[in-house]
Amino acid sequence: MTVATVQRTETLYWSSTSSPRGICVVMATEAGVCWAGTPGTEADKGFSWLSRRFPFKDVVEGEEIAPLQQAMHELRRYFAG
């Protein structure tokens, strides 16, 4: 019996927040944060980097999942001092 390997596709969620040095973008799946850009790094760099590492079918802007909500909350608190 041969078992075929099937790659799952994930939904990729992303959000951004301002910082003293530019916009910070964070991307996550249900499993957790998978990319965070330094201030001023374009979201397209994250999409490009991630597309070479795992298949994602849908991209959703918004903090709809817990890992991204937590990451953005902590990042905003950090920048607020």
N, C-alpha and C. Protein backbone atom coordinates (compact mmCIF):
# COMPACT_ATOMS: atom_id res chain seq x y z
N MET A 1 0.85 -1.18 0.00
CA MET A 1 0.00 0.00 0.00
C MET A 1 0.89 1.24 0.00
N THR A 2 0.61 2.16 -0.87
CA THR A 2 1.37 3.40 -0.96
C THR A 2 0.55 4.52 -0.34
N VAL A 3 1.20 5.29 0.50
CA VAL A 3 0.53 6.42 1.14
C VAL A 3 0.98 7.70 0.43
N ALA A 4 0.07 8.43 -0.11
CA ALA A 4 0.39 9.69 -0.79
C ALA A 4 0.50 10.80 0.24
N THR A 5 1.47 11.64 0.05
CA THR A 5 1.62 12.80 0.92
C THR A 5 0.80 13.94 0.34
N VAL A 6 -0.08 14.46 1.13
CA VAL A 6 -0.93 15.57 0.71
C VAL A 6 -0.56 16.79 1.54
N GLN A 7 -0.20 17.86 0.84
CA GLN A 7 0.10 19.09 1.56
C GLN A 7 -1.18 19.83 1.85
N ARG A 8 -1.34 20.21 3.10
CA ARG A 8 -2.50 21.02 3.48
C ARG A 8 -2.27 22.46 3.05
N THR A 9 -3.33 23.10 2.71
CA THR A 9 -3.23 24.53 2.48
C THR A 9 -3.77 25.24 3.71
N GLU A 10 -3.14 26.30 4.05
CA GLU A 10 -3.51 27.07 5.24
C GLU A 10 -4.13 28.39 4.81
N THR A 11 -4.89 28.97 5.72
CA THR A 11 -5.32 30.35 5.54
C THR A 11 -4.29 31.20 6.26
N LEU A 12 -3.80 32.19 5.59
CA LEU A 12 -2.81 33.09 6.14
C LEU A 12 -3.50 34.39 6.57
N TYR A 13 -3.31 34.76 7.81
CA TYR A 13 -3.89 35.99 8.35
C TYR A 13 -2.75 36.98 8.58
N TRP A 14 -3.03 38.26 8.38
CA TRP A 14 -2.00 39.25 8.63
C TRP A 14 -2.59 40.54 9.17
N SER A 15 -1.73 41.27 9.86
CA SER A 15 -2.13 42.56 10.41
C SER A 15 -0.89 43.44 10.49
N SER A 16 -1.10 44.71 10.74
CA SER A 16 0.02 45.63 10.86
C SER A 16 -0.28 46.67 11.93
N THR A 17 0.80 47.27 12.41
CA THR A 17 0.68 48.34 13.39
C THR A 17 1.82 49.32 13.16
N SER A 18 1.59 50.55 13.54
CA SER A 18 2.64 51.55 13.36
C SER A 18 3.63 51.48 14.51
N SER A 19 4.84 51.89 14.20
CA SER A 19 5.91 51.97 15.20
C SER A 19 6.68 53.25 14.94
N PRO A 20 7.55 53.63 15.85
CA PRO A 20 8.35 54.85 15.61
C PRO A 20 9.21 54.78 14.35
N ARG A 21 9.49 53.59 13.85
CA ARG A 21 10.35 53.42 12.67
C ARG A 21 9.61 52.93 11.43
N GLY A 22 8.29 52.91 11.47
CA GLY A 22 7.52 52.47 10.31
C GLY A 22 6.51 51.41 10.69
N ILE A 23 5.82 50.92 9.69
CA ILE A 23 4.78 49.92 9.90
C ILE A 23 5.41 48.55 10.13
N CYS A 24 4.86 47.80 11.10
CA CYS A 24 5.28 46.42 11.37
C CYS A 24 4.17 45.49 10.93
N VAL A 25 4.52 44.48 10.16
CA VAL A 25 3.56 43.51 9.66
C VAL A 25 3.84 42.16 10.33
N VAL A 26 2.77 41.48 10.74
CA VAL A 26 2.87 40.16 11.33
C VAL A 26 1.89 39.24 10.60
N MET A 27 2.33 38.00 10.32
CA MET A 27 1.50 37.02 9.63
C MET A 27 1.44 35.75 10.45
N ALA A 28 0.27 35.09 10.41
CA ALA A 28 0.08 33.89 11.21
C ALA A 28 -0.93 32.96 10.56
N THR A 29 -0.87 31.70 11.01
CA THR A 29 -1.91 30.71 10.69
C THR A 29 -2.52 30.31 12.02
N GLU A 30 -3.46 29.38 11.98
CA GLU A 30 -4.07 28.88 13.22
C GLU A 30 -3.01 28.28 14.14
N ALA A 31 -1.91 27.79 13.57
CA ALA A 31 -0.85 27.14 14.35
C ALA A 31 0.06 28.15 15.06
N GLY A 32 0.06 29.40 14.61
CA GLY A 32 0.89 30.41 15.27
C GLY A 32 1.48 31.41 14.30
N VAL A 33 2.26 32.32 14.84
CA VAL A 33 2.92 33.35 14.04
C VAL A 33 3.97 32.68 13.16
N CYS A 34 3.98 33.05 11.88
CA CYS A 34 4.94 32.44 10.96
C CYS A 34 5.84 33.47 10.29
N TRP A 35 5.56 34.75 10.44
CA TRP A 35 6.44 35.78 9.87
C TRP A 35 6.16 37.11 10.57
N ALA A 36 7.22 37.83 10.87
CA ALA A 36 7.10 39.18 11.42
C ALA A 36 8.19 40.03 10.77
N GLY A 37 7.77 41.11 10.19
CA GLY A 37 8.73 41.99 9.52
C GLY A 37 9.24 43.06 10.46
N THR A 38 10.46 43.49 10.20
CA THR A 38 11.00 44.62 10.95
C THR A 38 10.29 45.88 10.48
N PRO A 39 10.29 46.94 11.30
CA PRO A 39 9.60 48.16 10.90
C PRO A 39 10.02 48.63 9.51
N GLY A 40 9.02 48.91 8.69
CA GLY A 40 9.26 49.39 7.34
C GLY A 40 9.32 48.31 6.28
N THR A 41 9.34 47.04 6.67
CA THR A 41 9.37 45.94 5.70
C THR A 41 7.99 45.76 5.10
N GLU A 42 7.92 45.72 3.79
CA GLU A 42 6.65 45.58 3.08
C GLU A 42 6.02 44.21 3.31
N ALA A 43 4.70 44.16 3.36
CA ALA A 43 3.97 42.90 3.53
C ALA A 43 4.29 41.94 2.39
N ASP A 44 4.53 42.44 1.18
CA ASP A 44 4.84 41.57 0.04
C ASP A 44 6.06 40.70 0.28
N LYS A 45 7.02 41.20 1.05
CA LYS A 45 8.20 40.38 1.37
C LYS A 45 7.80 39.18 2.21
N GLY A 46 6.88 39.38 3.13
CA GLY A 46 6.39 38.27 3.94
C GLY A 46 5.61 37.26 3.11
N PHE A 47 4.73 37.75 2.23
CA PHE A 47 3.97 36.84 1.38
C PHE A 47 4.90 36.02 0.49
N SER A 48 5.91 36.68 -0.07
CA SER A 48 6.87 36.00 -0.94
C SER A 48 7.66 34.95 -0.17
N TRP A 49 8.16 35.31 1.00
CA TRP A 49 8.95 34.39 1.81
C TRP A 49 8.11 33.17 2.20
N LEU A 50 6.88 33.42 2.65
CA LEU A 50 6.02 32.32 3.09
C LEU A 50 5.57 31.43 1.93
N SER A 51 5.36 32.00 0.76
CA SER A 51 4.89 31.20 -0.38
C SER A 51 5.91 30.15 -0.79
N ARG A 52 7.18 30.36 -0.45
CA ARG A 52 8.22 29.37 -0.76
C ARG A 52 8.32 28.30 0.31
N ARG A 53 7.62 28.47 1.42
CA ARG A 53 7.76 27.54 2.54
C ARG A 53 6.54 26.68 2.82
N PHE A 54 5.38 27.19 2.55
CA PHE A 54 4.19 26.36 2.71
C PHE A 54 3.06 26.92 1.85
N PRO A 55 2.16 26.02 1.43
CA PRO A 55 1.06 26.48 0.57
C PRO A 55 -0.03 27.17 1.39
N PHE A 56 -0.40 28.35 0.97
CA PHE A 56 -1.56 28.99 1.56
C PHE A 56 -2.50 29.38 0.44
N LYS A 57 -3.76 29.14 0.69
CA LYS A 57 -4.77 29.36 -0.33
C LYS A 57 -5.43 30.72 -0.16
N ASP A 58 -5.77 31.04 1.05
CA ASP A 58 -6.47 32.29 1.32
C ASP A 58 -5.62 33.21 2.17
N VAL A 59 -5.76 34.50 1.93
CA VAL A 59 -5.08 35.52 2.72
C VAL A 59 -6.16 36.45 3.27
N VAL A 60 -6.13 36.63 4.60
CA VAL A 60 -7.14 37.45 5.26
C VAL A 60 -6.44 38.53 6.06
N GLU A 61 -6.79 39.77 5.80
CA GLU A 61 -6.25 40.87 6.61
C GLU A 61 -7.18 41.05 7.80
N GLY A 62 -6.62 40.94 8.98
CA GLY A 62 -7.41 41.11 10.18
C GLY A 62 -6.98 40.15 11.27
N GLU A 63 -7.22 40.55 12.47
CA GLU A 63 -6.80 39.78 13.64
C GLU A 63 -7.91 38.84 14.09
N GLU A 64 -8.22 37.88 13.24
CA GLU A 64 -9.35 36.98 13.49
C GLU A 64 -8.97 35.71 14.24
N ILE A 65 -7.68 35.46 14.42
CA ILE A 65 -7.25 34.24 15.10
C ILE A 65 -6.42 34.59 16.32
N ALA A 66 -6.47 33.72 17.32
CA ALA A 66 -5.81 34.00 18.60
C ALA A 66 -4.30 34.25 18.50
N PRO A 67 -3.53 33.48 17.72
CA PRO A 67 -2.09 33.76 17.68
C PRO A 67 -1.77 35.17 17.18
N LEU A 68 -2.50 35.62 16.18
CA LEU A 68 -2.25 36.95 15.64
C LEU A 68 -2.77 38.03 16.59
N GLN A 69 -3.89 37.80 17.23
CA GLN A 69 -4.40 38.75 18.21
C GLN A 69 -3.39 38.96 19.33
N GLN A 70 -2.85 37.88 19.84
CA GLN A 70 -1.88 37.98 20.93
C GLN A 70 -0.60 38.68 20.48
N ALA A 71 -0.09 38.31 19.32
CA ALA A 71 1.14 38.92 18.82
C ALA A 71 0.96 40.43 18.62
N MET A 72 -0.15 40.83 18.03
CA MET A 72 -0.38 42.25 17.77
C MET A 72 -0.59 43.01 19.08
N HIS A 73 -1.27 42.41 20.03
CA HIS A 73 -1.47 43.04 21.33
C HIS A 73 -0.11 43.29 22.01
N GLU A 74 0.74 42.28 22.00
CA GLU A 74 2.05 42.42 22.63
C GLU A 74 2.93 43.43 21.90
N LEU A 75 2.87 43.44 20.58
CA LEU A 75 3.66 44.39 19.79
C LEU A 75 3.20 45.82 20.06
N ARG A 76 1.90 46.04 20.11
CA ARG A 76 1.38 47.39 20.39
C ARG A 76 1.75 47.85 21.80
N ARG A 77 1.69 46.94 22.76
CA ARG A 77 2.11 47.29 24.13
C ARG A 77 3.59 47.64 24.17
N TYR A 78 4.41 46.91 23.44
CA TYR A 78 5.84 47.18 23.39
C TYR A 78 6.09 48.58 22.84
N PHE A 79 5.46 48.91 21.73
CA PHE A 79 5.68 50.22 21.12
C PHE A 79 5.09 51.35 21.95
N ALA A 80 4.10 51.05 22.77
CA ALA A 80 3.50 52.07 23.65
C ALA A 80 4.37 52.33 24.88
N GLY A 81 5.36 51.47 25.08
CA GLY A 81 6.29 51.67 26.19
C GLY A 81 5.91 50.88 27.40
